[in-house]
């Protein structure tokens, strides 16, 4: 049997960093972990809810708008710093959006002693991020575009970014076939076996009329 490991967890401490920075006693560790999960889920739900509300646009550029690449959480004694790394922060730049999000998060955190500080950071090269590419593929598949065409177009988008290799895999009932299968497309180098290689990875589910498709994307950024 094949031995599988998450490419990000495999490289923690070398080329990958933790997205949460805080200290807790062992007995309080699980509470801090659950609090982080609540904060991340609240932010993602807020963006998803407001994106559905405020846009009926069918432009191709909207397929990857407001996609969160990752959320950093830094906890101090009296402050929780939340840094949202996002591809195209159009929604969060609207007047009152940050204040509304802070109120929602304060309810989730449910702590009077700690105040929240939210910062937005735009990703410099959006199409270097696997989450944004996965969202783009999902948008194409929901609009009945061929999965092969969507994968090839996503590969083309990575030409704008400075990367050394990319691999995209889609699994499930592709094109509505009775038997599920996996299709893969690759370009450039992808040394998954070396820890010094900086690999960005995401696993993204897509709901279609034929069932759920799973998209996995690996991006080889650089080698240290």
C-alpha atoms as a PDB file:
ATOM      1  CA  UNK A   1       0.000   0.000   0.000  1.00  0.00           C
ATOM      2  CA  UNK A   2       1.111   3.556  -0.679  1.00  0.00           C
ATOM      3  CA  UNK A   3       2.163   5.675   2.280  1.00  0.00           C
ATOM      4  CA  UNK A   4       0.525   9.092   1.974  1.00  0.00           C
ATOM      5  CA  UNK A   5       1.301  12.275   3.901  1.00  0.00           C
ATOM      6  CA  UNK A   6       0.032  15.848   3.659  1.00  0.00           C
ATOM      7  CA  UNK A   7       2.657  17.906   1.742  1.00  0.00           C
ATOM      8  CA  UNK A   8       2.193  20.893   4.079  1.00  0.00           C
ATOM      9  CA  UNK A   9       2.413  18.963   7.364  1.00  0.00           C
ATOM     10  CA  UNK A  10       5.446  17.101   6.032  1.00  0.00           C
ATOM     11  CA  UNK A  11       7.335  20.396   5.627  1.00  0.00           C
ATOM     12  CA  UNK A  12       6.336  22.207   8.831  1.00  0.00           C
ATOM     13  CA  UNK A  13       9.361  23.858  10.399  1.00  0.00           C
ATOM     14  CA  UNK A  14      11.412  23.792   7.182  1.00  0.00           C
ATOM     15  CA  UNK A  15       9.684  25.514   4.249  1.00  0.00           C
ATOM     16  CA  UNK A  16       6.189  25.777   5.794  1.00  0.00           C
ATOM     17  CA  UNK A  17       5.195  27.841   8.816  1.00  0.00           C
ATOM     18  CA  UNK A  18       2.321  27.455  11.267  1.00  0.00           C
ATOM     19  CA  UNK A  19      -0.738  29.648  10.696  1.00  0.00           C
ATOM     20  CA  UNK A  20      -1.429  30.003  14.440  1.00  0.00           C
ATOM     21  CA  UNK A  21       1.007  31.642  16.878  1.00  0.00           C
ATOM     22  CA  UNK A  22       0.124  31.379  20.569  1.00  0.00           C
ATOM     23  CA  UNK A  23       1.007  29.594  23.778  1.00  0.00           C
ATOM     24  CA  UNK A  24      -1.319  27.713  26.139  1.00  0.00           C
ATOM     25  CA  UNK A  25      -1.013  25.325  29.042  1.00  0.00           C
ATOM     26  CA  UNK A  26      -1.725  21.675  28.100  1.00  0.00           C
ATOM     27  CA  UNK A  27      -5.113  21.696  29.847  1.00  0.00           C
ATOM     28  CA  UNK A  28      -6.212  24.797  27.837  1.00  0.00           C
ATOM     29  CA  UNK A  29      -4.718  23.768  24.496  1.00  0.00           C
ATOM     30  CA  UNK A  30      -7.895  22.151  23.119  1.00  0.00           C
ATOM     31  CA  UNK A  31      -9.931  25.290  23.921  1.00  0.00           C
ATOM     32  CA  UNK A  32      -7.466  27.472  21.994  1.00  0.00           C
ATOM     33  CA  UNK A  33      -7.579  25.078  19.055  1.00  0.00           C
ATOM     34  CA  UNK A  34     -11.392  25.124  18.948  1.00  0.00           C
ATOM     35  CA  UNK A  35     -11.359  28.930  19.178  1.00  0.00           C
ATOM     36  CA  UNK A  36      -9.054  29.108  16.122  1.00  0.00           C
ATOM     37  CA  UNK A  37     -11.398  26.832  14.187  1.00  0.00           C
ATOM     38  CA  UNK A  38     -14.412  28.987  15.099  1.00  0.00           C
ATOM     39  CA  UNK A  39     -12.609  32.160  13.961  1.00  0.00           C
ATOM     40  CA  UNK A  40     -11.606  30.648  10.608  1.00  0.00           C
ATOM     41  CA  UNK A  41     -15.083  29.189   9.967  1.00  0.00           C
ATOM     42  CA  UNK A  42     -16.750  32.497  10.883  1.00  0.00           C
ATOM     43  CA  UNK A  43     -14.590  34.466   8.419  1.00  0.00           C
ATOM     44  CA  UNK A  44     -15.161  31.967   5.595  1.00  0.00           C
ATOM     45  CA  UNK A  45     -18.921  31.871   6.224  1.00  0.00           C
ATOM     46  CA  UNK A  46     -19.091  35.689   6.290  1.00  0.00           C
ATOM     47  CA  UNK A  47     -17.332  36.022   2.927  1.00  0.00           C
ATOM     48  CA  UNK A  48     -19.368  33.218   1.343  1.00  0.00           C
ATOM     49  CA  UNK A  49     -22.671  34.683   2.581  1.00  0.00           C
ATOM     50  CA  UNK A  50     -21.893  38.230   1.396  1.00  0.00           C
ATOM     51  CA  UNK A  51     -20.500  37.073  -1.933  1.00  0.00           C
ATOM     52  CA  UNK A  52     -23.764  35.249  -2.729  1.00  0.00           C
ATOM     53  CA  UNK A  53     -25.761  38.279  -1.611  1.00  0.00           C
ATOM     54  CA  UNK A  54     -23.930  40.985  -3.437  1.00  0.00           C
ATOM     55  CA  UNK A  55     -23.002  39.624  -6.840  1.00  0.00           C
ATOM     56  CA  UNK A  56     -24.987  38.264  -9.718  1.00  0.00           C
ATOM     57  CA  UNK A  57     -22.023  38.842 -12.022  1.00  0.00           C
ATOM     58  CA  UNK A  58     -20.936  36.015 -14.277  1.00  0.00           C
ATOM     59  CA  UNK A  59     -17.593  37.435 -15.242  1.00  0.00           C
ATOM     60  CA  UNK A  60     -14.616  35.102 -15.279  1.00  0.00           C
ATOM     61  CA  UNK A  61     -12.687  37.337 -12.891  1.00  0.00           C
ATOM     62  CA  UNK A  62     -15.353  36.824 -10.218  1.00  0.00           C
ATOM     63  CA  UNK A  63     -14.700  33.086 -10.179  1.00  0.00           C
ATOM     64  CA  UNK A  64     -11.715  33.583  -7.883  1.00  0.00           C
ATOM     65  CA  UNK A  65     -12.708  36.801  -6.106  1.00  0.00           C
ATOM     66  CA  UNK A  66     -12.623  36.904  -2.318  1.00  0.00           C
ATOM     67  CA  UNK A  67     -10.852  33.542  -2.069  1.00  0.00           C
ATOM     68  CA  UNK A  68      -8.979  33.200   1.222  1.00  0.00           C
ATOM     69  CA  UNK A  69      -5.587  31.573   0.817  1.00  0.00           C
ATOM     70  CA  UNK A  70      -4.964  31.285   4.567  1.00  0.00           C
ATOM     71  CA  UNK A  71      -5.744  32.974   7.896  1.00  0.00           C
ATOM     72  CA  UNK A  72      -3.041  33.747  10.459  1.00  0.00           C
ATOM     73  CA  UNK A  73      -4.016  33.999  14.131  1.00  0.00           C
ATOM     74  CA  UNK A  74      -1.662  35.579  16.667  1.00  0.00           C
ATOM     75  CA  UNK A  75      -2.791  35.649  20.295  1.00  0.00           C
ATOM     76  CA  UNK A  76      -1.493  37.964  22.987  1.00  0.00           C
ATOM     77  CA  UNK A  77      -2.707  38.415  26.582  1.00  0.00           C
ATOM     78  CA  UNK A  78      -5.402  40.963  25.727  1.00  0.00           C
ATOM     79  CA  UNK A  79      -5.500  40.941  21.888  1.00  0.00           C
ATOM     80  CA  UNK A  80      -6.173  38.452  19.111  1.00  0.00           C
ATOM     81  CA  UNK A  81      -4.584  39.507  15.817  1.00  0.00           C
ATOM     82  CA  UNK A  82      -6.267  37.977  12.758  1.00  0.00           C
ATOM     83  CA  UNK A  83      -4.514  38.420   9.396  1.00  0.00           C
ATOM     84  CA  UNK A  84      -6.607  37.396   6.385  1.00  0.00           C
ATOM     85  CA  UNK A  85      -4.563  36.606   3.270  1.00  0.00           C
ATOM     86  CA  UNK A  86      -6.928  36.970   0.350  1.00  0.00           C
ATOM     87  CA  UNK A  87      -6.639  36.959  -3.434  1.00  0.00           C
ATOM     88  CA  UNK A  88      -8.898  39.861  -4.436  1.00  0.00           C
ATOM     89  CA  UNK A  89     -10.177  41.691  -1.312  1.00  0.00           C
ATOM     90  CA  UNK A  90     -12.976  43.653  -3.036  1.00  0.00           C
ATOM     91  CA  UNK A  91     -15.688  42.619  -0.568  1.00  0.00           C
ATOM     92  CA  UNK A  92     -13.694  43.366   2.590  1.00  0.00           C
ATOM     93  CA  UNK A  93     -12.763  46.835   1.302  1.00  0.00           C
ATOM     94  CA  UNK A  94     -16.406  47.928   1.405  1.00  0.00           C
ATOM     95  CA  UNK A  95     -17.340  50.461   4.073  1.00  0.00           C
ATOM     96  CA  UNK A  96     -18.296  48.809   7.363  1.00  0.00           C
ATOM     97  CA  UNK A  97     -17.323  45.274   6.258  1.00  0.00           C
ATOM     98  CA  UNK A  98     -14.423  44.941   8.718  1.00  0.00           C
ATOM     99  CA  UNK A  99     -16.510  46.322  11.625  1.00  0.00           C
ATOM    100  CA  UNK A 100     -19.322  43.877  10.851  1.00  0.00           C
ATOM    101  CA  UNK A 101     -16.879  40.984  10.653  1.00  0.00           C
ATOM    102  CA  UNK A 102     -15.315  42.021  13.987  1.00  0.00           C
ATOM    103  CA  UNK A 103     -18.741  41.933  15.671  1.00  0.00           C
ATOM    104  CA  UNK A 104     -19.407  38.428  14.319  1.00  0.00           C
ATOM    105  CA  UNK A 105     -15.985  37.230  15.478  1.00  0.00           C
ATOM    106  CA  UNK A 106     -16.406  38.771  18.922  1.00  0.00           C
ATOM    107  CA  UNK A 107     -19.553  36.668  19.394  1.00  0.00           C
ATOM    108  CA  UNK A 108     -17.633  33.532  18.403  1.00  0.00           C
ATOM    109  CA  UNK A 109     -14.664  34.295  20.655  1.00  0.00           C
ATOM    110  CA  UNK A 110     -17.028  35.212  23.511  1.00  0.00           C
ATOM    111  CA  UNK A 111     -14.307  36.834  25.615  1.00  0.00           C
ATOM    112  CA  UNK A 112     -14.632  40.267  27.231  1.00  0.00           C
ATOM    113  CA  UNK A 113     -10.942  40.504  28.169  1.00  0.00           C
ATOM    114  CA  UNK A 114      -9.606  40.028  24.636  1.00  0.00           C
ATOM    115  CA  UNK A 115     -10.134  42.457  21.770  1.00  0.00           C
ATOM    116  CA  UNK A 116      -9.918  41.558  18.099  1.00  0.00           C
ATOM    117  CA  UNK A 117      -7.669  43.204  15.541  1.00  0.00           C
ATOM    118  CA  UNK A 118      -8.376  42.244  11.910  1.00  0.00           C
ATOM    119  CA  UNK A 119      -5.939  43.002   9.084  1.00  0.00           C
ATOM    120  CA  UNK A 120      -6.321  42.267   5.367  1.00  0.00           C
ATOM    121  CA  UNK A 121      -3.344  41.340   3.215  1.00  0.00           C
ATOM    122  CA  UNK A 122      -3.697  40.996  -0.532  1.00  0.00           C
ATOM    123  CA  UNK A 123      -1.768  38.107  -2.064  1.00  0.00           C
ATOM    124  CA  UNK A 124       0.837  39.458  -4.496  1.00  0.00           C
ATOM    125  CA  UNK A 125       0.549  36.644  -7.049  1.00  0.00           C
ATOM    126  CA  UNK A 126      -3.008  35.215  -6.804  1.00  0.00           C
ATOM    127  CA  UNK A 127      -2.539  32.481  -9.404  1.00  0.00           C
ATOM    128  CA  UNK A 128       0.407  31.137  -7.437  1.00  0.00           C
ATOM    129  CA  UNK A 129      -2.057  29.998  -4.757  1.00  0.00           C
ATOM    130  CA  UNK A 130      -3.674  26.523  -5.108  1.00  0.00           C
ATOM    131  CA  UNK A 131      -6.908  27.638  -3.349  1.00  0.00           C
ATOM    132  CA  UNK A 132      -7.544  30.314  -5.982  1.00  0.00           C
ATOM    133  CA  UNK A 133      -6.878  27.871  -8.833  1.00  0.00           C
ATOM    134  CA  UNK A 134      -9.225  25.321  -7.216  1.00  0.00           C
ATOM    135  CA  UNK A 135     -11.960  27.956  -6.908  1.00  0.00           C
ATOM    136  CA  UNK A 136     -11.443  28.851 -10.569  1.00  0.00           C
ATOM    137  CA  UNK A 137     -11.816  25.186 -11.616  1.00  0.00           C
ATOM    138  CA  UNK A 138     -14.955  24.879  -9.449  1.00  0.00           C
ATOM    139  CA  UNK A 139     -16.467  27.954 -11.128  1.00  0.00           C
ATOM    140  CA  UNK A 140     -15.770  26.489 -14.585  1.00  0.00           C
ATOM    141  CA  UNK A 141     -17.204  23.052 -13.747  1.00  0.00           C
ATOM    142  CA  UNK A 142     -20.382  24.572 -12.291  1.00  0.00           C
ATOM    143  CA  UNK A 143     -20.821  26.428 -15.600  1.00  0.00           C
ATOM    144  CA  UNK A 144     -20.684  23.065 -17.444  1.00  0.00           C
ATOM    145  CA  UNK A 145     -17.207  23.606 -18.900  1.00  0.00           C
ATOM    146  CA  UNK A 146     -15.312  20.405 -19.714  1.00  0.00           C
ATOM    147  CA  UNK A 147     -13.091  19.338 -16.798  1.00  0.00           C
ATOM    148  CA  UNK A 148     -10.088  18.893 -19.119  1.00  0.00           C
ATOM    149  CA  UNK A 149     -10.540  22.387 -20.527  1.00  0.00           C
ATOM    150  CA  UNK A 150     -10.852  23.825 -17.001  1.00  0.00           C
ATOM    151  CA  UNK A 151      -7.659  22.069 -15.882  1.00  0.00           C
ATOM    152  CA  UNK A 152      -5.694  23.272 -18.927  1.00  0.00           C
ATOM    153  CA  UNK A 153      -6.915  26.842 -18.440  1.00  0.00           C
ATOM    154  CA  UNK A 154      -5.860  26.733 -14.774  1.00  0.00           C
ATOM    155  CA  UNK A 155      -2.388  25.548 -15.846  1.00  0.00           C
ATOM    156  CA  UNK A 156      -2.211  28.485 -18.274  1.00  0.00           C
ATOM    157  CA  UNK A 157      -3.047  30.935 -15.478  1.00  0.00           C
ATOM    158  CA  UNK A 158       0.019  29.759 -13.538  1.00  0.00           C
ATOM    159  CA  UNK A 159       2.249  31.061 -16.370  1.00  0.00           C
ATOM    160  CA  UNK A 160       1.698  34.553 -14.949  1.00  0.00           C
ATOM    161  CA  UNK A 161       3.147  33.410 -11.610  1.00  0.00           C
ATOM    162  CA  UNK A 162       6.773  32.572 -10.882  1.00  0.00           C
ATOM    163  CA  UNK A 163       6.539  28.826 -10.196  1.00  0.00           C
ATOM    164  CA  UNK A 164       8.562  25.796 -11.231  1.00  0.00           C
ATOM    165  CA  UNK A 165       5.843  23.165 -11.535  1.00  0.00           C
ATOM    166  CA  UNK A 166       2.156  22.428 -11.005  1.00  0.00           C
ATOM    167  CA  UNK A 167      -0.018  19.318 -10.828  1.00  0.00           C
ATOM    168  CA  UNK A 168      -3.838  19.229 -10.848  1.00  0.00           C
ATOM    169  CA  UNK A 169      -5.908  16.120 -10.134  1.00  0.00           C
ATOM    170  CA  UNK A 170      -9.694  15.784 -10.306  1.00  0.00           C
ATOM    171  CA  UNK A 171     -11.438  12.637  -9.043  1.00  0.00           C
ATOM    172  CA  UNK A 172     -15.074  11.559  -9.057  1.00  0.00           C
ATOM    173  CA  UNK A 173     -17.845  11.016 -11.603  1.00  0.00           C
ATOM    174  CA  UNK A 174     -16.187  13.088 -14.296  1.00  0.00           C
ATOM    175  CA  UNK A 175     -18.499  14.231 -17.124  1.00  0.00           C
ATOM    176  CA  UNK A 176     -21.332  12.324 -15.408  1.00  0.00           C
ATOM    177  CA  UNK A 177     -19.865   8.853 -16.054  1.00  0.00           C
ATOM    178  CA  UNK A 178     -21.202   5.936 -14.005  1.00  0.00           C
ATOM    179  CA  UNK A 179     -17.786   4.852 -12.728  1.00  0.00           C
ATOM    180  CA  UNK A 180     -15.689   7.350 -10.787  1.00  0.00           C
ATOM    181  CA  UNK A 181     -12.114   7.891 -11.902  1.00  0.00           C
ATOM    182  CA  UNK A 182      -9.235  10.328 -11.489  1.00  0.00           C
ATOM    183  CA  UNK A 183      -7.701  12.539 -14.170  1.00  0.00           C
ATOM    184  CA  UNK A 184      -4.400  14.347 -13.734  1.00  0.00           C
ATOM    185  CA  UNK A 185      -2.464  17.031 -15.591  1.00  0.00           C
ATOM    186  CA  UNK A 186       1.074  18.142 -14.788  1.00  0.00           C
ATOM    187  CA  UNK A 187       3.537  20.764 -15.974  1.00  0.00           C
ATOM    188  CA  UNK A 188       7.124  21.327 -14.842  1.00  0.00           C
ATOM    189  CA  UNK A 189       8.938  19.747 -11.886  1.00  0.00           C
ATOM    190  CA  UNK A 190       7.266  18.550  -8.693  1.00  0.00           C
ATOM    191  CA  UNK A 191       9.778  16.991  -6.227  1.00  0.00           C
ATOM    192  CA  UNK A 192       7.347  15.867  -3.494  1.00  0.00           C
ATOM    193  CA  UNK A 193       9.911  13.579  -1.879  1.00  0.00           C
ATOM    194  CA  UNK A 194      12.313  16.374  -0.834  1.00  0.00           C
ATOM    195  CA  UNK A 195      11.628  18.482   2.270  1.00  0.00           C
ATOM    196  CA  UNK A 196      13.637  21.467   1.013  1.00  0.00           C
ATOM    197  CA  UNK A 197      11.189  21.919  -1.891  1.00  0.00           C
ATOM    198  CA  UNK A 198       8.537  24.534  -1.010  1.00  0.00           C
ATOM    199  CA  UNK A 199       5.226  22.971  -2.062  1.00  0.00           C
ATOM    200  CA  UNK A 200       1.834  24.647  -1.786  1.00  0.00           C
ATOM    201  CA  UNK A 201      -1.087  22.209  -1.684  1.00  0.00           C
ATOM    202  CA  UNK A 202      -4.861  22.217  -1.322  1.00  0.00           C
ATOM    203  CA  UNK A 203      -7.693  19.702  -1.389  1.00  0.00           C
ATOM    204  CA  UNK A 204     -10.987  21.222  -2.528  1.00  0.00           C
ATOM    205  CA  UNK A 205     -14.439  19.546  -2.855  1.00  0.00           C
ATOM    206  CA  UNK A 206     -16.791  20.646  -5.651  1.00  0.00           C
ATOM    207  CA  UNK A 207     -20.510  19.837  -5.539  1.00  0.00           C
ATOM    208  CA  UNK A 208     -21.970  19.068  -8.982  1.00  0.00           C
ATOM    209  CA  UNK A 209     -25.278  17.579 -10.163  1.00  0.00           C
ATOM    210  CA  UNK A 210     -23.518  14.201 -10.533  1.00  0.00           C
ATOM    211  CA  UNK A 211     -22.016  14.225  -7.033  1.00  0.00           C
ATOM    212  CA  UNK A 212     -18.950  15.588  -5.285  1.00  0.00           C
ATOM    213  CA  UNK A 213     -15.682  15.947  -7.196  1.00  0.00           C
ATOM    214  CA  UNK A 214     -12.366  16.226  -5.376  1.00  0.00           C
ATOM    215  CA  UNK A 215      -9.707  18.603  -6.681  1.00  0.00           C
ATOM    216  CA  UNK A 216      -6.105  18.384  -5.495  1.00  0.00           C
ATOM    217  CA  UNK A 217      -3.496  20.933  -6.549  1.00  0.00           C
ATOM    218  CA  UNK A 218       0.250  20.873  -5.901  1.00  0.00           C
ATOM    219  CA  UNK A 219       2.418  23.892  -6.774  1.00  0.00           C
ATOM    220  CA  UNK A 220       6.213  23.775  -6.646  1.00  0.00           C
ATOM    221  CA  UNK A 221       7.209  27.325  -5.719  1.00  0.00           C
ATOM    222  CA  UNK A 222      10.958  27.153  -5.095  1.00  0.00           C
ATOM    223  CA  UNK A 223      13.772  25.042  -3.680  1.00  0.00           C
ATOM    224  CA  UNK A 224      15.888  26.111  -0.726  1.00  0.00           C
END
